[in-house]
Amino acid sequence: MIKNVLTMAVIAAMTLAGCQETPTETAKDVSAARKDAAQNVDAARQDKDEVVAKANDQVADARQDYAATDTNARAKLSKAESEAMVKTAQADFDIAMAQATGRADVDKEKCGAMVGVEKDACISAAEAALASEQAAAVATRDAVLVVAEQHD
């Protein structure tokens, strides 16, 4: 009987040891998640730069047209400015979402060294922070879209 209990205890200990990451593995996962997040944010920033540059060119063209023909050009300028605001808001939103997702991925990787309830709580906290950041990004983007829609 004692031999069976001892055998079961050894098997249980080995099973639990296999489920938990080592600090080195966790550090590698965190590093990889940070690298991925940085690449995603850099790509989003580069996309934003391209979108904003193109939108600014369109605004400049509209301003030139405005100087030539006042009434029609003013409408075209307002439309171009509104479209630029929308494109910039969307690009900023994409950056905010990439940053939020990257932070959440890093935070979740940090949970890898934990087990049980502590790990569950850590993952829940990371997901809650992500949801909060996503909601803030949506609210910010939507506020700018409202302003762009009302732009004259």
C-alpha atoms as a PDB file:
ATOM      1  CA  MET A   1       0.000   0.000   0.000  1.00  0.00           C
ATOM      2  CA  ILE A   2       2.749   2.456   0.961  1.00  0.00           C
ATOM      3  CA  LYS A   3       4.661   1.458  -2.167  1.00  0.00           C
ATOM      4  CA  ASN A   4       1.606   2.330  -4.339  1.00  0.00           C
ATOM      5  CA  VAL A   5       1.160   5.698  -2.606  1.00  0.00           C
ATOM      6  CA  LEU A   6       4.849   6.490  -3.012  1.00  0.00           C
ATOM      7  CA  THR A   7       4.730   5.526  -6.700  1.00  0.00           C
ATOM      8  CA  MET A   8       1.659   7.702  -7.247  1.00  0.00           C
ATOM      9  CA  ALA A   9       3.342  10.620  -5.473  1.00  0.00           C
ATOM     10  CA  VAL A  10       6.416  10.334  -7.693  1.00  0.00           C
ATOM     11  CA  ILE A  11       4.253  10.190 -10.831  1.00  0.00           C
ATOM     12  CA  ALA A  12       2.242  13.217  -9.672  1.00  0.00           C
ATOM     13  CA  ALA A  13       5.414  15.198  -8.944  1.00  0.00           C
ATOM     14  CA  MET A  14       6.840  14.346 -12.364  1.00  0.00           C
ATOM     15  CA  THR A  15       3.593  15.329 -14.062  1.00  0.00           C
ATOM     16  CA  LEU A  16       3.461  18.687 -12.290  1.00  0.00           C
ATOM     17  CA  ALA A  17       7.103  19.344 -13.053  1.00  0.00           C
ATOM     18  CA  GLY A  18       6.428  18.728 -16.757  1.00  0.00           C
ATOM     19  CA  CYS A  19       3.583  21.295 -16.857  1.00  0.00           C
ATOM     20  CA  GLN A  20       5.542  24.234 -15.533  1.00  0.00           C
ATOM     21  CA  GLU A  21       7.982  26.172 -17.689  1.00  0.00           C
ATOM     22  CA  THR A  22      11.425  26.823 -16.390  1.00  0.00           C
ATOM     23  CA  PRO A  23      12.396  30.457 -15.792  1.00  0.00           C
ATOM     24  CA  THR A  24      14.724  30.204 -18.804  1.00  0.00           C
ATOM     25  CA  GLU A  25      11.894  28.999 -21.063  1.00  0.00           C
ATOM     26  CA  THR A  26       9.627  31.742 -19.759  1.00  0.00           C
ATOM     27  CA  ALA A  27      12.305  34.358 -20.371  1.00  0.00           C
ATOM     28  CA  LYS A  28      12.767  33.090 -23.939  1.00  0.00           C
ATOM     29  CA  ASP A  29       8.981  33.189 -24.526  1.00  0.00           C
ATOM     30  CA  VAL A  30       8.759  36.714 -23.096  1.00  0.00           C
ATOM     31  CA  SER A  31      11.670  37.839 -25.271  1.00  0.00           C
ATOM     32  CA  ALA A  32      10.065  36.328 -28.377  1.00  0.00           C
ATOM     33  CA  ALA A  33       6.711  37.935 -27.557  1.00  0.00           C
ATOM     34  CA  ARG A  34       8.407  41.322 -27.079  1.00  0.00           C
ATOM     35  CA  LYS A  35      10.204  40.956 -30.408  1.00  0.00           C
ATOM     36  CA  ASP A  36       6.957  40.027 -32.191  1.00  0.00           C
ATOM     37  CA  ALA A  37       5.135  42.926 -30.564  1.00  0.00           C
ATOM     38  CA  ALA A  38       7.871  45.376 -31.561  1.00  0.00           C
ATOM     39  CA  GLN A  39       7.789  44.153 -35.156  1.00  0.00           C
ATOM     40  CA  ASN A  40       4.006  44.458 -35.300  1.00  0.00           C
ATOM     41  CA  VAL A  41       4.079  47.981 -33.855  1.00  0.00           C
ATOM     42  CA  ASP A  42       6.866  49.011 -36.246  1.00  0.00           C
ATOM     43  CA  ALA A  43       4.868  47.681 -39.195  1.00  0.00           C
ATOM     44  CA  ALA A  44       1.762  49.532 -38.038  1.00  0.00           C
ATOM     45  CA  ARG A  45       3.762  52.755 -37.637  1.00  0.00           C
ATOM     46  CA  GLN A  46       5.236  52.353 -41.106  1.00  0.00           C
ATOM     47  CA  ASP A  47       1.758  51.798 -42.538  1.00  0.00           C
ATOM     48  CA  LYS A  48       0.560  54.906 -40.723  1.00  0.00           C
ATOM     49  CA  ASP A  49       3.427  56.980 -42.112  1.00  0.00           C
ATOM     50  CA  GLU A  50       2.522  55.925 -45.650  1.00  0.00           C
ATOM     51  CA  VAL A  51      -1.193  56.573 -45.145  1.00  0.00           C
ATOM     52  CA  VAL A  52      -0.629  59.960 -43.526  1.00  0.00           C
ATOM     53  CA  ALA A  53       1.862  61.034 -46.207  1.00  0.00           C
ATOM     54  CA  LYS A  54      -0.607  60.155 -48.957  1.00  0.00           C
ATOM     55  CA  ALA A  55      -3.453  61.885 -47.124  1.00  0.00           C
ATOM     56  CA  ASN A  56      -1.297  64.982 -46.613  1.00  0.00           C
ATOM     57  CA  ASP A  57      -0.484  65.029 -50.338  1.00  0.00           C
ATOM     58  CA  GLN A  58      -4.195  64.945 -51.086  1.00  0.00           C
ATOM     59  CA  VAL A  59      -4.762  67.856 -48.690  1.00  0.00           C
ATOM     60  CA  ALA A  60      -1.961  69.812 -50.372  1.00  0.00           C
ATOM     61  CA  ASP A  61      -3.519  69.162 -53.789  1.00  0.00           C
ATOM     62  CA  ALA A  62      -6.887  70.285 -52.492  1.00  0.00           C
ATOM     63  CA  ARG A  63      -5.330  73.476 -51.098  1.00  0.00           C
ATOM     64  CA  GLN A  64      -3.850  74.251 -54.485  1.00  0.00           C
ATOM     65  CA  ASP A  65      -7.234  73.714 -56.104  1.00  0.00           C
ATOM     66  CA  TYR A  66      -8.771  75.910 -53.432  1.00  0.00           C
ATOM     67  CA  ALA A  67      -6.559  78.805 -54.415  1.00  0.00           C
ATOM     68  CA  ALA A  68      -7.701  78.476 -58.037  1.00  0.00           C
ATOM     69  CA  THR A  69     -11.443  78.068 -57.541  1.00  0.00           C
ATOM     70  CA  ASP A  70     -12.700  79.136 -54.160  1.00  0.00           C
ATOM     71  CA  THR A  71     -16.114  77.505 -53.686  1.00  0.00           C
ATOM     72  CA  ASN A  72     -15.567  74.120 -55.277  1.00  0.00           C
ATOM     73  CA  ALA A  73     -12.062  73.898 -53.923  1.00  0.00           C
ATOM     74  CA  ARG A  74     -13.233  74.639 -50.370  1.00  0.00           C
ATOM     75  CA  ALA A  75     -15.584  71.664 -50.519  1.00  0.00           C
ATOM     76  CA  LYS A  76     -12.830  69.486 -51.977  1.00  0.00           C
ATOM     77  CA  LEU A  77     -10.398  70.678 -49.295  1.00  0.00           C
ATOM     78  CA  SER A  78     -12.864  69.940 -46.490  1.00  0.00           C
ATOM     79  CA  LYS A  79     -13.514  66.498 -47.929  1.00  0.00           C
ATOM     80  CA  ALA A  80      -9.781  65.793 -48.262  1.00  0.00           C
ATOM     81  CA  GLU A  81      -9.147  66.969 -44.703  1.00  0.00           C
ATOM     82  CA  SER A  82     -11.968  64.776 -43.399  1.00  0.00           C
ATOM     83  CA  GLU A  83     -10.653  61.770 -45.296  1.00  0.00           C
ATOM     84  CA  ALA A  84      -7.144  62.454 -43.962  1.00  0.00           C
ATOM     85  CA  MET A  85      -8.528  62.587 -40.418  1.00  0.00           C
ATOM     86  CA  VAL A  86     -10.295  59.249 -40.950  1.00  0.00           C
ATOM     87  CA  LYS A  87      -7.190  57.583 -42.395  1.00  0.00           C
ATOM     88  CA  THR A  88      -4.985  58.930 -39.615  1.00  0.00           C
ATOM     89  CA  ALA A  89      -7.490  57.813 -36.962  1.00  0.00           C
ATOM     90  CA  GLN A  90      -7.557  54.309 -38.439  1.00  0.00           C
ATOM     91  CA  ALA A  91      -3.756  54.149 -38.612  1.00  0.00           C
ATOM     92  CA  ASP A  92      -3.464  55.340 -34.991  1.00  0.00           C
ATOM     93  CA  PHE A  93      -6.054  52.722 -34.039  1.00  0.00           C
ATOM     94  CA  ASP A  94      -4.026  49.994 -35.756  1.00  0.00           C
ATOM     95  CA  ILE A  95      -0.913  51.061 -33.826  1.00  0.00           C
ATOM     96  CA  ALA A  96      -2.786  51.125 -30.519  1.00  0.00           C
ATOM     97  CA  MET A  97      -4.210  47.666 -31.172  1.00  0.00           C
ATOM     98  CA  ALA A  98      -0.778  46.266 -32.116  1.00  0.00           C
ATOM     99  CA  GLN A  99       0.728  47.767 -28.963  1.00  0.00           C
ATOM    100  CA  ALA A 100      -2.084  46.427 -26.759  1.00  0.00           C
ATOM    101  CA  THR A 101      -1.865  42.960 -28.283  1.00  0.00           C
ATOM    102  CA  GLY A 102       1.910  42.958 -27.927  1.00  0.00           C
ATOM    103  CA  ARG A 103       1.738  43.949 -24.273  1.00  0.00           C
ATOM    104  CA  ALA A 104      -0.885  41.263 -23.630  1.00  0.00           C
ATOM    105  CA  ASP A 105       1.218  38.607 -25.372  1.00  0.00           C
ATOM    106  CA  VAL A 106       4.260  39.561 -23.287  1.00  0.00           C
ATOM    107  CA  ASP A 107       2.194  39.567 -20.083  1.00  0.00           C
ATOM    108  CA  LYS A 108       0.724  36.134 -20.913  1.00  0.00           C
ATOM    109  CA  GLU A 109       4.194  34.719 -21.591  1.00  0.00           C
ATOM    110  CA  LYS A 110       5.260  35.929 -18.153  1.00  0.00           C
ATOM    111  CA  CYS A 111       2.486  33.721 -16.740  1.00  0.00           C
ATOM    112  CA  GLY A 112       4.233  30.637 -18.175  1.00  0.00           C
ATOM    113  CA  ALA A 113       6.384  30.169 -15.079  1.00  0.00           C
ATOM    114  CA  MET A 114       3.301  30.045 -12.855  1.00  0.00           C
ATOM    115  CA  VAL A 115       0.915  27.168 -12.177  1.00  0.00           C
ATOM    116  CA  GLY A 116      -2.643  26.664 -11.060  1.00  0.00           C
ATOM    117  CA  VAL A 117      -4.762  29.519  -9.811  1.00  0.00           C
ATOM    118  CA  GLU A 118      -1.826  31.917  -9.872  1.00  0.00           C
ATOM    119  CA  LYS A 119      -1.344  31.270 -13.620  1.00  0.00           C
ATOM    120  CA  ASP A 120      -5.084  31.566 -14.296  1.00  0.00           C
ATOM    121  CA  ALA A 121      -5.223  34.892 -12.442  1.00  0.00           C
ATOM    122  CA  CYS A 122      -2.170  36.153 -14.323  1.00  0.00           C
ATOM    123  CA  ILE A 123      -3.690  35.275 -17.709  1.00  0.00           C
ATOM    124  CA  SER A 124      -7.041  36.797 -16.703  1.00  0.00           C
ATOM    125  CA  ALA A 125      -5.308  40.028 -15.693  1.00  0.00           C
ATOM    126  CA  ALA A 126      -3.477  40.169 -19.033  1.00  0.00           C
ATOM    127  CA  GLU A 127      -6.706  39.575 -20.955  1.00  0.00           C
ATOM    128  CA  ALA A 128      -8.569  42.189 -18.900  1.00  0.00           C
ATOM    129  CA  ALA A 129      -5.838  44.760 -19.562  1.00  0.00           C
ATOM    130  CA  LEU A 130      -6.019  43.931 -23.278  1.00  0.00           C
ATOM    131  CA  ALA A 131      -9.791  44.374 -23.339  1.00  0.00           C
ATOM    132  CA  SER A 132      -9.461  47.721 -21.564  1.00  0.00           C
ATOM    133  CA  GLU A 133      -6.804  48.978 -23.974  1.00  0.00           C
ATOM    134  CA  GLN A 134      -8.831  47.802 -26.965  1.00  0.00           C
ATOM    135  CA  ALA A 135     -11.913  49.626 -25.684  1.00  0.00           C
ATOM    136  CA  ALA A 136      -9.892  52.813 -25.189  1.00  0.00           C
ATOM    137  CA  ALA A 137      -8.486  52.546 -28.721  1.00  0.00           C
ATOM    138  CA  VAL A 138     -11.967  52.077 -30.176  1.00  0.00           C
ATOM    139  CA  ALA A 139     -13.310  55.055 -28.214  1.00  0.00           C
ATOM    140  CA  THR A 140     -10.450  57.297 -29.315  1.00  0.00           C
ATOM    141  CA  ARG A 141     -10.810  56.280 -32.951  1.00  0.00           C
ATOM    142  CA  ASP A 142     -14.566  56.746 -32.902  1.00  0.00           C
ATOM    143  CA  ALA A 143     -14.268  60.212 -31.347  1.00  0.00           C
ATOM    144  CA  VAL A 144     -11.946  61.288 -34.152  1.00  0.00           C
ATOM    145  CA  LEU A 145     -14.282  59.778 -36.754  1.00  0.00           C
ATOM    146  CA  VAL A 146     -17.159  61.859 -35.365  1.00  0.00           C
ATOM    147  CA  VAL A 147     -15.053  65.024 -35.614  1.00  0.00           C
ATOM    148  CA  ALA A 148     -14.008  64.098 -39.165  1.00  0.00           C
ATOM    149  CA  GLU A 149     -17.617  63.520 -40.197  1.00  0.00           C
ATOM    150  CA  GLN A 150     -18.622  66.947 -38.894  1.00  0.00           C
ATOM    151  CA  HIS A 151     -15.604  68.711 -40.407  1.00  0.00           C
ATOM    152  CA  ASP A 152     -16.508  71.585 -42.723  1.00  0.00           C
END
